PDB file of N, CA and C in Angstrom:
ATOM      1  N   MET A   1       4.161-136.033 114.504  1.00  0.00           N
ATOM      2  CA  MET A   1       3.283-134.919 114.840  1.00  0.00           C
ATOM      3  C   MET A   1       2.382-134.609 113.648  1.00  0.00           C
ATOM      4  N   PRO A   2       1.092-134.346 113.862  1.00  0.00           N
ATOM      5  CA  PRO A   2       0.169-134.107 112.765  1.00  0.00           C
ATOM      6  C   PRO A   2       0.570-132.914 111.899  1.00  0.00           C
ATOM      7  N   ALA A   3       1.114-131.868 112.490  1.00  0.00           N
ATOM      8  CA  ALA A   3       1.450-130.666 111.729  1.00  0.00           C
ATOM      9  C   ALA A   3       2.517-130.946 110.680  1.00  0.00           C
ATOM     10  N   GLN A   4       3.382-131.905 110.913  1.00  0.00           N
ATOM     11  CA  GLN A   4       4.433-132.209 109.961  1.00  0.00           C
ATOM     12  C   GLN A   4       3.858-132.843 108.706  1.00  0.00           C
ATOM     13  N   ARG A   5       2.729-133.487 108.778  1.00  0.00           N
ATOM     14  CA  ARG A   5       2.125-134.141 107.625  1.00  0.00           C
ATOM     15  C   ARG A   5       1.290-133.167 106.809  1.00  0.00           C
ATOM     16  N   LEU A   6       0.961-132.031 107.375  1.00  0.00           N
ATOM     17  CA  LEU A   6       0.159-131.042 106.679  1.00  0.00           C
ATOM     18  C   LEU A   6       1.076-129.944 106.160  1.00  0.00           C
ATOM     19  N   GLY A   7       0.656-129.300 105.081  1.00  0.00           N
ATOM     20  CA  GLY A   7       1.445-128.212 104.529  1.00  0.00           C
ATOM     21  C   GLY A   7       1.276-126.931 105.328  1.00  0.00           C
ATOM     22  N   SER A   8       2.092-125.944 104.999  1.00  0.00           N
ATOM     23  CA  SER A   8       2.092-124.667 105.700  1.00  0.00           C
ATOM     24  C   SER A   8       0.731-123.961 105.716  1.00  0.00           C
ATOM     25  N   PRO A   9      -0.030-123.918 104.602  1.00  0.00           N
ATOM     26  CA  PRO A   9      -1.341-123.247 104.665  1.00  0.00           C
ATOM     27  C   PRO A   9      -2.290-123.891 105.689  1.00  0.00           C
ATOM     28  N   HIS A  10      -2.179-125.190 105.853  1.00  0.00           N
ATOM     29  CA  HIS A  10      -3.040-125.889 106.809  1.00  0.00           C
ATOM     30  C   HIS A  10      -2.659-125.533 108.241  1.00  0.00           C
ATOM     31  N   VAL A  11      -1.375-125.437 108.479  1.00  0.00           N
ATOM     32  CA  VAL A  11      -0.903-125.079 109.817  1.00  0.00           C
ATOM     33  C   VAL A  11      -1.300-123.645 110.140  1.00  0.00           C
ATOM     34  N   MET A  12      -1.199-122.763 109.150  1.00  0.00           N
ATOM     35  CA  MET A  12      -1.601-121.371 109.376  1.00  0.00           C
ATOM     36  C   MET A  12      -3.094-121.282 109.678  1.00  0.00           C
ATOM     37  N   LYS A  13      -3.898-122.076 108.978  1.00  0.00           N
ATOM     38  CA  LYS A  13      -5.343-122.102 109.227  1.00  0.00           C
ATOM     39  C   LYS A  13      -5.623-122.651 110.624  1.00  0.00           C
ATOM     40  N   ALA A  14      -4.878-123.675 111.028  1.00  0.00           N
ATOM     41  CA  ALA A  14      -5.032-124.243 112.371  1.00  0.00           C
ATOM     42  C   ALA A  14      -4.675-123.213 113.431  1.00  0.00           C
ATOM     43  N   GLU A  15      -3.623-122.445 113.188  1.00  0.00           N
ATOM     44  CA  GLU A  15      -3.244-121.390 114.136  1.00  0.00           C
ATOM     45  C   GLU A  15      -4.342-120.339 114.243  1.00  0.00           C
ATOM     46  N   GLU A  16      -4.954-120.014 113.114  1.00  0.00           N
ATOM     47  CA  GLU A  16      -6.066-119.064 113.119  1.00  0.00           C
ATOM     48  C   GLU A  16      -7.227-119.599 113.955  1.00  0.00           C
ATOM     49  N   TYR A  17      -7.560-120.878 113.772  1.00  0.00           N
ATOM     50  CA  TYR A  17      -8.629-121.488 114.550  1.00  0.00           C
ATOM     51  C   TYR A  17      -8.282-121.538 116.035  1.00  0.00           C
ATOM     52  N   LEU A  18      -7.027-121.765 116.340  1.00  0.00           N
ATOM     53  CA  LEU A  18      -6.606-121.814 117.736  1.00  0.00           C
ATOM     54  C   LEU A  18      -6.771-120.435 118.386  1.00  0.00           C
ATOM     55  N   ARG A  19      -6.386-119.387 117.665  1.00  0.00           N
ATOM     56  CA  ARG A  19      -6.559-118.030 118.195  1.00  0.00           C
ATOM     57  C   ARG A  19      -8.048-117.696 118.376  1.00  0.00           C
ATOM     58  N   LEU A  20      -8.855-118.061 117.379  1.00  0.00           N
ATOM     59  CA  LEU A  20     -10.299-117.828 117.494  1.00  0.00           C
ATOM     60  C   LEU A  20     -10.902-118.607 118.652  1.00  0.00           C
ATOM     61  N   SER A  21     -10.425-119.827 118.843  1.00  0.00           N
ATOM     62  CA  SER A  21     -10.969-120.658 119.918  1.00  0.00           C
ATOM     63  C   SER A  21     -10.662-120.074 121.290  1.00  0.00           C
ATOM     64  N   GLU A  22      -9.541-119.375 121.408  1.00  0.00           N
ATOM     65  CA  GLU A  22      -9.212-118.752 122.697  1.00  0.00           C
ATOM     66  C   GLU A  22     -10.234-117.698 123.076  1.00  0.00           C
ATOM     67  N   VAL A  23     -10.858-117.091 122.067  1.00  0.00           N
ATOM     68  CA  VAL A  23     -11.874-116.069 122.317  1.00  0.00           C
ATOM     69  C   VAL A  23     -13.272-116.689 122.411  1.00  0.00           C
ATOM     70  N   LYS A  24     -13.600-117.541 121.447  1.00  0.00           N
ATOM     71  CA  LYS A  24     -14.966-118.057 121.341  1.00  0.00           C
ATOM     72  C   LYS A  24     -15.226-119.335 122.131  1.00  0.00           C
ATOM     73  N   CYS A  25     -14.179-120.052 122.480  1.00  0.00           N
ATOM     74  CA  CYS A  25     -14.348-121.354 123.140  1.00  0.00           C
ATOM     75  C   CYS A  25     -13.666-121.407 124.502  1.00  0.00           C
ATOM     76  N   ALA A  26     -13.514-120.282 125.153  1.00  0.00           N
ATOM     77  CA  ALA A  26     -12.763-120.227 126.407  1.00  0.00           C
ATOM     78  C   ALA A  26     -13.245-121.235 127.452  1.00  0.00           C
ATOM     79  N   PRO A  27     -14.565-121.358 127.705  1.00  0.00           N
ATOM     80  CA  PRO A  27     -14.996-122.342 128.710  1.00  0.00           C
ATOM     81  C   PRO A  27     -14.643-123.780 128.311  1.00  0.00           C
ATOM     82  N   LEU A  28     -14.722-124.051 127.026  1.00  0.00           N
ATOM     83  CA  LEU A  28     -14.390-125.385 126.529  1.00  0.00           C
ATOM     84  C   LEU A  28     -12.891-125.662 126.667  1.00  0.00           C
ATOM     85  N   LEU A  29     -12.080-124.655 126.363  1.00  0.00           N
ATOM     86  CA  LEU A  29     -10.624-124.819 126.454  1.00  0.00           C
ATOM     87  C   LEU A  29     -10.162-125.064 127.889  1.00  0.00           C
ATOM     88  N   ALA A  30     -10.931-124.556 128.848  1.00  0.00           N
ATOM     89  CA  ALA A  30     -10.572-124.753 130.251  1.00  0.00           C
ATOM     90  C   ALA A  30     -10.652-126.226 130.645  1.00  0.00           C
ATOM     91  N   GLN A  31     -11.428-127.013 129.897  1.00  0.00           N
ATOM     92  CA  GLN A  31     -11.606-128.433 130.192  1.00  0.00           C
ATOM     93  C   GLN A  31     -10.633-129.324 129.424  1.00  0.00           C
ATOM     94  N   MET A  32      -9.865-128.737 128.514  1.00  0.00           N
ATOM     95  CA  MET A  32      -9.004-129.516 127.623  1.00  0.00           C
ATOM     96  C   MET A  32      -7.536-129.181 127.852  1.00  0.00           C
ATOM     97  N   SER A  33      -6.685-130.076 127.378  1.00  0.00           N
ATOM     98  CA  SER A  33      -5.259-129.777 127.400  1.00  0.00           C
ATOM     99  C   SER A  33      -4.925-128.921 126.176  1.00  0.00           C
ATOM    100  N   PRO A  34      -3.855-128.152 126.243  1.00  0.00           N
ATOM    101  CA  PRO A  34      -3.444-127.361 125.072  1.00  0.00           C
ATOM    102  C   PRO A  34      -3.149-128.237 123.849  1.00  0.00           C
ATOM    103  N   THR A  35      -2.632-129.427 124.097  1.00  0.00           N
ATOM    104  CA  THR A  35      -2.329-130.339 122.990  1.00  0.00           C
ATOM    105  C   THR A  35      -3.599-130.774 122.281  1.00  0.00           C
ATOM    106  N   SER A  36      -4.621-131.174 123.042  1.00  0.00           N
ATOM    107  CA  SER A  36      -5.845-131.653 122.412  1.00  0.00           C
ATOM    108  C   SER A  36      -6.537-130.537 121.640  1.00  0.00           C
ATOM    109  N   SER A  37      -6.526-129.310 122.152  1.00  0.00           N
ATOM    110  CA  SER A  37      -7.152-128.213 121.412  1.00  0.00           C
ATOM    111  C   SER A  37      -6.375-127.907 120.134  1.00  0.00           C
ATOM    112  N   ALA A  38      -5.055-127.983 120.183  1.00  0.00           N
ATOM    113  CA  ALA A  38      -4.240-127.751 118.987  1.00  0.00           C
ATOM    114  C   ALA A  38      -4.492-128.828 117.938  1.00  0.00           C
ATOM    115  N   VAL A  39      -4.604-130.069 118.368  1.00  0.00           N
ATOM    116  CA  VAL A  39      -4.858-131.174 117.434  1.00  0.00           C
ATOM    117  C   VAL A  39      -6.233-131.025 116.802  1.00  0.00           C
ATOM    118  N   ILE A  40      -7.214-130.638 117.584  1.00  0.00           N
ATOM    119  CA  ILE A  40      -8.553-130.443 117.037  1.00  0.00           C
ATOM    120  C   ILE A  40      -8.553-129.308 116.008  1.00  0.00           C
ATOM    121  N   CYS A  41      -7.810-128.248 116.283  1.00  0.00           N
ATOM    122  CA  CYS A  41      -7.712-127.152 115.313  1.00  0.00           C
ATOM    123  C   CYS A  41      -7.009-127.607 114.038  1.00  0.00           C
ATOM    124  N   LEU A  42      -6.009-128.464 114.167  1.00  0.00           N
ATOM    125  CA  LEU A  42      -5.369-129.037 112.976  1.00  0.00           C
ATOM    126  C   LEU A  42      -6.353-129.875 112.179  1.00  0.00           C
ATOM    127  N   ASP A  43      -7.152-130.654 112.879  1.00  0.00           N
ATOM    128  CA  ASP A  43      -8.159-131.493 112.231  1.00  0.00           C
ATOM    129  C   ASP A  43      -9.158-130.617 111.476  1.00  0.00           C
ATOM    130  N   LEU A  44      -9.633-129.567 112.112  1.00  0.00           N
ATOM    131  CA  LEU A  44     -10.584-128.658 111.471  1.00  0.00           C
ATOM    132  C   LEU A  44      -9.973-127.994 110.246  1.00  0.00           C
ATOM    133  N   ALA A  45      -8.727-127.560 110.368  1.00  0.00           N
ATOM    134  CA  ALA A  45      -8.047-126.913 109.244  1.00  0.00           C
ATOM    135  C   ALA A  45      -7.888-127.874 108.076  1.00  0.00           C
ATOM    136  N   ALA A  46      -7.539-129.104 108.369  1.00  0.00           N
ATOM    137  CA  ALA A  46      -7.378-130.105 107.317  1.00  0.00           C
ATOM    138  C   ALA A  46      -8.710-130.382 106.634  1.00  0.00           C
ATOM    139  N   THR A  47      -9.771-130.446 107.411  1.00  0.00           N
ATOM    140  CA  THR A  47     -11.097-130.705 106.854  1.00  0.00           C
ATOM    141  C   THR A  47     -11.551-129.550 105.972  1.00  0.00           C
ATOM    142  N   VAL A  48     -11.388-128.330 106.456  1.00  0.00           N
ATOM    143  CA  VAL A  48     -11.839-127.151 105.718  1.00  0.00           C
ATOM    144  C   VAL A  48     -11.047-126.981 104.419  1.00  0.00           C
ATOM    145  N   THR A  49      -9.770-127.280 104.449  1.00  0.00           N
ATOM    146  CA  THR A  49      -8.941-127.116 103.249  1.00  0.00           C
ATOM    147  C   THR A  49      -8.991-128.334 102.339  1.00  0.00           C
ATOM    148  N   GLY A  50      -9.717-129.358 102.746  1.00  0.00           N
ATOM    149  CA  GLY A  50      -9.889-130.535 101.903  1.00  0.00           C
ATOM    150  C   GLY A  50      -8.708-131.488 101.898  1.00  0.00           C
ATOM    151  N   ASN A  51      -7.880-131.431 102.916  1.00  0.00           N
ATOM    152  CA  ASN A  51      -6.717-132.304 103.013  1.00  0.00           C
ATOM    153  C   ASN A  51      -7.093-133.558 103.794  1.00  0.00           C
ATOM    154  N   PRO A  52      -7.002-134.728 103.179  1.00  0.00           N
ATOM    155  CA  PRO A  52      -7.356-135.960 103.901  1.00  0.00           C
ATOM    156  C   PRO A  52      -6.327-136.261 104.989  1.00  0.00           C
ATOM    157  N   VAL A  53      -6.819-136.625 106.152  1.00  0.00           N
ATOM    158  CA  VAL A  53      -5.941-136.949 107.282  1.00  0.00           C
ATOM    159  C   VAL A  53      -6.429-138.227 107.951  1.00  0.00           C
ATOM    160  N   ASP A  54      -5.568-138.804 108.740  1.00  0.00           N
ATOM    161  CA  ASP A  54      -5.894-140.009 109.503  1.00  0.00           C
ATOM    162  C   ASP A  54      -6.512-139.578 110.830  1.00  0.00           C
ATOM    163  N   LYS A  55      -7.824-139.660 110.923  1.00  0.00           N
ATOM    164  CA  LYS A  55      -8.540-139.216 112.129  1.00  0.00           C
ATOM    165  C   LYS A  55      -8.113-140.009 113.357  1.00  0.00           C
ATOM    166  N   SER A  56      -7.851-141.288 113.194  1.00  0.00           N
ATOM    167  CA  SER A  56      -7.458-142.091 114.351  1.00  0.00           C
ATOM    168  C   SER A  56      -6.111-141.621 114.901  1.00  0.00           C
ATOM    169  N   TYR A  57      -5.242-141.126 114.028  1.00  0.00           N
ATOM    170  CA  TYR A  57      -3.960-140.586 114.483  1.00  0.00           C
ATOM    171  C   TYR A  57      -4.183-139.315 115.294  1.00  0.00           C
ATOM    172  N   PHE A  58      -5.081-138.457 114.817  1.00  0.00           N
ATOM    173  CA  PHE A  58      -5.390-137.233 115.561  1.00  0.00           C
ATOM    174  C   PHE A  58      -5.972-137.560 116.927  1.00  0.00           C
ATOM    175  N   VAL A  59      -6.846-138.536 116.995  1.00  0.00           N
ATOM    176  CA  VAL A  59      -7.435-138.931 118.280  1.00  0.00           C
ATOM    177  C   VAL A  59      -6.337-139.425 119.216  1.00  0.00           C
ATOM    178  N   LYS A  60      -5.436-140.240 118.698  1.00  0.00           N
ATOM    179  CA  LYS A  60      -4.351-140.789 119.510  1.00  0.00           C
ATOM    180  C   LYS A  60      -3.443-139.681 120.045  1.00  0.00           C
ATOM    181  N   VAL A  61      -3.065-138.759 119.181  1.00  0.00           N
ATOM    182  CA  VAL A  61      -2.149-137.680 119.578  1.00  0.00           C
ATOM    183  C   VAL A  61      -2.818-136.703 120.544  1.00  0.00           C
ATOM    184  N   SER A  62      -4.142-136.548 120.412  1.00  0.00           N
ATOM    185  CA  SER A  62      -4.846-135.604 121.280  1.00  0.00           C
ATOM    186  C   SER A  62      -4.872-136.052 122.735  1.00  0.00           C
ATOM    187  N   GLY A  63      -4.748-137.364 122.953  1.00  0.00           N
ATOM    188  CA  GLY A  63      -4.802-137.883 124.315  1.00  0.00           C
ATOM    189  C   GLY A  63      -6.217-138.051 124.837  1.00  0.00           C
ATOM    190  N   LEU A  64      -7.193-137.900 123.968  1.00  0.00           N
ATOM    191  CA  LEU A  64      -8.594-138.038 124.358  1.00  0.00           C
ATOM    192  C   LEU A  64      -9.151-139.364 123.872  1.00  0.00           C
ATOM    193  N   LYS A  65     -10.229-139.792 124.494  1.00  0.00           N
ATOM    194  CA  LYS A  65     -10.951-140.964 123.984  1.00  0.00           C
ATOM    195  C   LYS A  65     -11.692-140.526 122.725  1.00  0.00           C
ATOM    196  N   ARG A  66     -11.971-141.490 121.859  1.00  0.00           N
ATOM    197  CA  ARG A  66     -12.598-141.186 120.565  1.00  0.00           C
ATOM    198  C   ARG A  66     -13.911-140.409 120.723  1.00  0.00           C
ATOM    199  N   ALA A  67     -14.774-140.854 121.618  1.00  0.00           N
ATOM    200  CA  ALA A  67     -16.069-140.189 121.809  1.00  0.00           C
ATOM    201  C   ALA A  67     -15.883-138.757 122.318  1.00  0.00           C
ATOM    202  N   THR A  68     -14.955-138.576 123.239  1.00  0.00           N
ATOM    203  CA  THR A  68     -14.680-137.247 123.781  1.00  0.00           C
ATOM    204  C   THR A  68     -14.114-136.345 122.694  1.00  0.00           C
ATOM    205  N   TYR A  69     -13.216-136.891 121.890  1.00  0.00           N
ATOM    206  CA  TYR A  69     -12.617-136.137 120.787  1.00  0.00           C
ATOM    207  C   TYR A  69     -13.708-135.661 119.824  1.00  0.00           C
ATOM    208  N   GLN A  70     -14.609-136.564 119.450  1.00  0.00           N
ATOM    209  CA  GLN A  70     -15.683-136.212 118.526  1.00  0.00           C
ATOM    210  C   GLN A  70     -16.593-135.136 119.118  1.00  0.00           C
ATOM    211  N   CYS A  71     -16.856-135.241 120.399  1.00  0.00           N
ATOM    212  CA  CYS A  71     -17.696-134.255 121.074  1.00  0.00           C
ATOM    213  C   CYS A  71     -17.038-132.872 121.039  1.00  0.00           C
ATOM    214  N   TYR A  72     -15.760-132.813 121.387  1.00  0.00           N
ATOM    215  CA  TYR A  72     -15.036-131.545 121.346  1.00  0.00           C
ATOM    216  C   TYR A  72     -14.926-131.015 119.919  1.00  0.00           C
ATOM    217  N   LEU A  73     -14.700-131.896 118.964  1.00  0.00           N
ATOM    218  CA  LEU A  73     -14.593-131.483 117.566  1.00  0.00           C
ATOM    219  C   LEU A  73     -15.895-130.835 117.100  1.00  0.00           C
ATOM    220  N   ARG A  74     -17.018-131.446 117.411  1.00  0.00           N
ATOM    221  CA  ARG A  74     -18.317-130.874 117.027  1.00  0.00           C
ATOM    222  C   ARG A  74     -18.563-129.542 117.744  1.00  0.00           C
ATOM    223  N   SER A  75     -18.142-129.469 118.997  1.00  0.00           N
ATOM    224  CA  SER A  75     -18.317-128.217 119.745  1.00  0.00           C
ATOM    225  C   SER A  75     -17.489-127.100 119.114  1.00  0.00           C
ATOM    226  N   PHE A  76     -16.251-127.410 118.759  1.00  0.00           N
ATOM    227  CA  PHE A  76     -15.403-126.417 118.099  1.00  0.00           C
ATOM    228  C   PHE A  76     -16.021-125.984 116.776  1.00  0.00           C
ATOM    229  N   GLU A  77     -16.488-126.950 115.987  1.00  0.00           N
ATOM    230  CA  GLU A  77     -17.119-126.617 114.701  1.00  0.00           C
ATOM    231  C   GLU A  77     -18.282-125.665 114.912  1.00  0.00           C
ATOM    232  N   SER A  78     -19.088-125.944 115.906  1.00  0.00           N
ATOM    233  CA  SER A  78     -20.255-125.123 116.187  1.00  0.00           C
ATOM    234  C   SER A  78     -19.851-123.725 116.666  1.00  0.00           C
ATOM    235  N   LEU A  79     -18.963-123.661 117.640  1.00  0.00           N
ATOM    236  CA  LEU A  79     -18.572-122.375 118.205  1.00  0.00           C
ATOM    237  C   LEU A  79     -17.777-121.517 117.234  1.00  0.00           C
ATOM    238  N   LEU A  80     -17.039-122.150 116.332  1.00  0.00           N
ATOM    239  CA  LEU A  80     -16.265-121.400 115.342  1.00  0.00           C
ATOM    240  C   LEU A  80     -17.043-121.221 114.033  1.00  0.00           C
ATOM    241  N   ALA A  81     -18.309-121.665 114.020  1.00  0.00           N
ATOM    242  CA  ALA A  81     -19.195-121.541 112.857  1.00  0.00           C
ATOM    243  C   ALA A  81     -18.610-122.218 111.625  1.00  0.00           C
ATOM    244  N   LEU A  82     -18.134-123.441 111.789  1.00  0.00           N
ATOM    245  CA  LEU A  82     -17.548-124.205 110.693  1.00  0.00           C
ATOM    246  C   LEU A  82     -18.404-125.398 110.292  1.00  0.00           C
ATOM    247  N   GLN A  83     -19.627-125.465 110.771  1.00  0.00           N
ATOM    248  CA  GLN A  83     -20.459-126.635 110.510  1.00  0.00           C
ATOM    249  C   GLN A  83     -20.712-126.773 109.014  1.00  0.00           C
ATOM    250  N   SER A  84     -20.609-127.983 108.566  1.00  0.00           N
ATOM    251  CA  SER A  84     -20.926-128.264 107.167  1.00  0.00           C
ATOM    252  C   SER A  84     -22.405-128.634 107.075  1.00  0.00           C
ATOM    253  N   SER A  85     -22.940-128.490 105.891  1.00  0.00           N
ATOM    254  CA  SER A  85     -24.342-128.859 105.727  1.00  0.00           C
ATOM    255  C   SER A  85     -24.448-130.373 105.590  1.00  0.00           C
ATOM    256  N   PHE A  86     -25.498-130.914 106.137  1.00  0.00           N
ATOM    257  CA  PHE A  86     -25.718-132.349 106.106  1.00  0.00           C
ATOM    258  C   PHE A  86     -26.877-132.652 105.171  1.00  0.00           C
ATOM    259  N   GLY A  87     -26.778-133.788 104.521  1.00  0.00           N
ATOM    260  CA  GLY A  87     -27.876-134.259 103.703  1.00  0.00           C
ATOM    261  C   GLY A  87     -28.764-135.176 104.519  1.00  0.00           C
ATOM    262  N   ILE A  88     -29.838-135.589 103.896  1.00  0.00           N
ATOM    263  CA  ILE A  88     -30.797-136.466 104.575  1.00  0.00           C
ATOM    264  C   ILE A  88     -30.118-137.756 105.013  1.00  0.00           C
ATOM    265  N   ARG A  89     -29.330-138.339 104.141  1.00  0.00           N
ATOM    266  CA  ARG A  89     -28.685-139.618 104.446  1.00  0.00           C
ATOM    267  C   ARG A  89     -27.739-139.496 105.643  1.00  0.00           C
ATOM    268  N   GLU A  90     -26.947-138.426 105.699  1.00  0.00           N
ATOM    269  CA  GLU A  90     -26.012-138.241 106.812  1.00  0.00           C
ATOM    270  C   GLU A  90     -26.738-138.122 108.147  1.00  0.00           C
ATOM    271  N   VAL A  91     -27.844-137.374 108.141  1.00  0.00           N
ATOM    272  CA  VAL A  91     -28.621-137.217 109.371  1.00  0.00           C
ATOM    273  C   VAL A  91     -29.254-138.549 109.767  1.00  0.00           C
ATOM    274  N   ALA A  92     -29.749-139.290 108.784  1.00  0.00           N
ATOM    275  CA  ALA A  92     -30.361-140.594 109.067  1.00  0.00           C
ATOM    276  C   ALA A  92     -29.339-141.566 109.652  1.00  0.00           C
ATOM    277  N   VAL A  93     -28.130-141.542 109.125  1.00  0.00           N
ATOM    278  CA  VAL A  93     -27.075-142.415 109.655  1.00  0.00           C
ATOM    279  C   VAL A  93     -26.721-142.002 111.079  1.00  0.00           C
ATOM    280  N   GLN A  94     -26.609-140.703 111.306  1.00  0.00           N
ATOM    281  CA  GLN A  94     -26.254-140.205 112.637  1.00  0.00           C
ATOM    282  C   GLN A  94     -27.273-140.627 113.688  1.00  0.00           C
ATOM    283  N   PHE A  95     -28.562-140.639 113.313  1.00  0.00           N
ATOM    284  CA  PHE A  95     -29.604-140.979 114.271  1.00  0.00           C
ATOM    285  C   PHE A  95     -30.107-142.411 114.126  1.00  0.00           C
ATOM    286  N   SER A  96     -29.407-143.210 113.329  1.00  0.00           N
ATOM    287  CA  SER A  96     -29.716-144.635 113.146  1.00  0.00           C
ATOM    288  C   SER A  96     -31.161-144.873 112.710  1.00  0.00           C
ATOM    289  N   CYS A  97     -31.604-144.115 111.729  1.00  0.00           N
ATOM    290  CA  CYS A  97     -32.953-144.314 111.213  1.00  0.00           C
ATOM    291  C   CYS A  97     -32.938-144.205 109.690  1.00  0.00           C
ATOM    292  N   LEU A  98     -32.234-145.134 109.065  1.00  0.00           N
ATOM    293  CA  LEU A  98     -32.088-145.107 107.612  1.00  0.00           C
ATOM    294  C   LEU A  98     -33.420-145.229 106.878  1.00  0.00           C
ATOM    295  N   GLU A  99     -34.375-145.943 107.481  1.00  0.00           N
ATOM    296  CA  GLU A  99     -35.670-146.094 106.819  1.00  0.00           C
ATOM    297  C   GLU A  99     -36.383-144.747 106.670  1.00  0.00           C
ATOM    298  N   ALA A 100     -36.083-143.803 107.532  1.00  0.00           N
ATOM    299  CA  ALA A 100     -36.711-142.486 107.454  1.00  0.00           C
ATOM    300  C   ALA A 100     -36.121-141.647 106.323  1.00  0.00           C
ATOM    301  N   ALA A 101     -34.926-141.961 105.873  1.00  0.00           N
ATOM    302  CA  ALA A 101     -34.290-141.189 104.811  1.00  0.00           C
ATOM    303  C   ALA A 101     -35.079-141.282 103.511  1.00  0.00           C
ATOM    304  N   HIS A 102     -35.549-142.462 103.188  1.00  0.00           N
ATOM    305  CA  HIS A 102     -36.323-142.641 101.954  1.00  0.00           C
ATOM    306  C   HIS A 102     -37.629-141.848 102.024  1.00  0.00           C
ATOM    307  N   LEU A 103     -38.311-141.934 103.138  1.00  0.00           N
ATOM    308  CA  LEU A 103     -39.566-141.208 103.322  1.00  0.00           C
ATOM    309  C   LEU A 103     -39.321-139.693 103.257  1.00  0.00           C
ATOM    310  N   ALA A 104     -38.280-139.229 103.886  1.00  0.00           N
ATOM    311  CA  ALA A 104     -37.966-137.795 103.871  1.00  0.00           C
ATOM    312  C   ALA A 104     -37.660-137.321 102.451  1.00  0.00           C
ATOM    313  N   SER A 105     -36.961-138.136 101.686  1.00  0.00           N
ATOM    314  CA  SER A 105     -36.667-137.786 100.292  1.00  0.00           C
ATOM    315  C   SER A 105     -37.949-137.651  99.475  1.00  0.00           C
ATOM    316  N   LYS A 106     -38.885-138.574  99.676  1.00  0.00           N
ATOM    317  CA  LYS A 106     -40.171-138.518  98.976  1.00  0.00           C
ATOM    318  C   LYS A 106     -40.924-137.234  99.326  1.00  0.00           C
ATOM    319  N   ILE A 107     -40.956-136.894 100.599  1.00  0.00           N
ATOM    320  CA  ILE A 107     -41.655-135.700 101.048  1.00  0.00           C
ATOM    321  C   ILE A 107     -41.029-134.445 100.448  1.00  0.00           C
ATOM    322  N   LEU A 108     -39.711-134.383 100.426  1.00  0.00           N
ATOM    323  CA  LEU A 108     -39.027-133.228  99.846  1.00  0.00           C
ATOM    324  C   LEU A 108     -39.303-133.107  98.342  1.00  0.00           C
ATOM    325  N   GLN A 109     -39.387-134.237  97.650  1.00  0.00           N
ATOM    326  CA  GLN A 109     -39.676-134.213  96.218  1.00  0.00           C
ATOM    327  C   GLN A 109     -41.074-133.673  95.955  1.00  0.00           C
ATOM    328  N   ARG A 110     -42.029-134.013  96.811  1.00  0.00           N
ATOM    329  CA  ARG A 110     -43.392-133.519  96.654  1.00  0.00           C
ATOM    330  C   ARG A 110     -43.468-132.007  96.882  1.00  0.00           C
ATOM    331  N   CYS A 111     -42.649-131.532  97.813  1.00  0.00           N
ATOM    332  CA  CYS A 111     -42.700-130.110  98.170  1.00  0.00           C
ATOM    333  C   CYS A 111     -41.989-129.235  97.139  1.00  0.00           C
ATOM    334  N   SER A 112     -41.103-129.806  96.360  1.00  0.00           N
ATOM    335  CA  SER A 112     -40.356-128.959  95.420  1.00  0.00           C
ATOM    336  C   SER A 112     -40.905-128.982  94.024  1.00  0.00           C
TER     337      SER A 112
END
């Protein structure tokens, strides 16, 4: 179980996210199993506290397909206001346009 690999502060943070998700993510939770929502909250807690975890294990335990898991994870991050800031390179990789990253960096350098 993922919770056994994480320390107590991480589990407490995951429980906090689970309680918040019941209020802020109710429509989303209606589409998910309780297990998958708990695993996603554990994943978020581990990420926020800086604890490295095996993402493939979380996906497996959640019972979701990888793409579905990632979609729900991003939705939870957004609804719980946990989004991290992205750099130019991360956005370029996400949208498969690495050549635009160099150009964007040049433009930002000119503006600053």
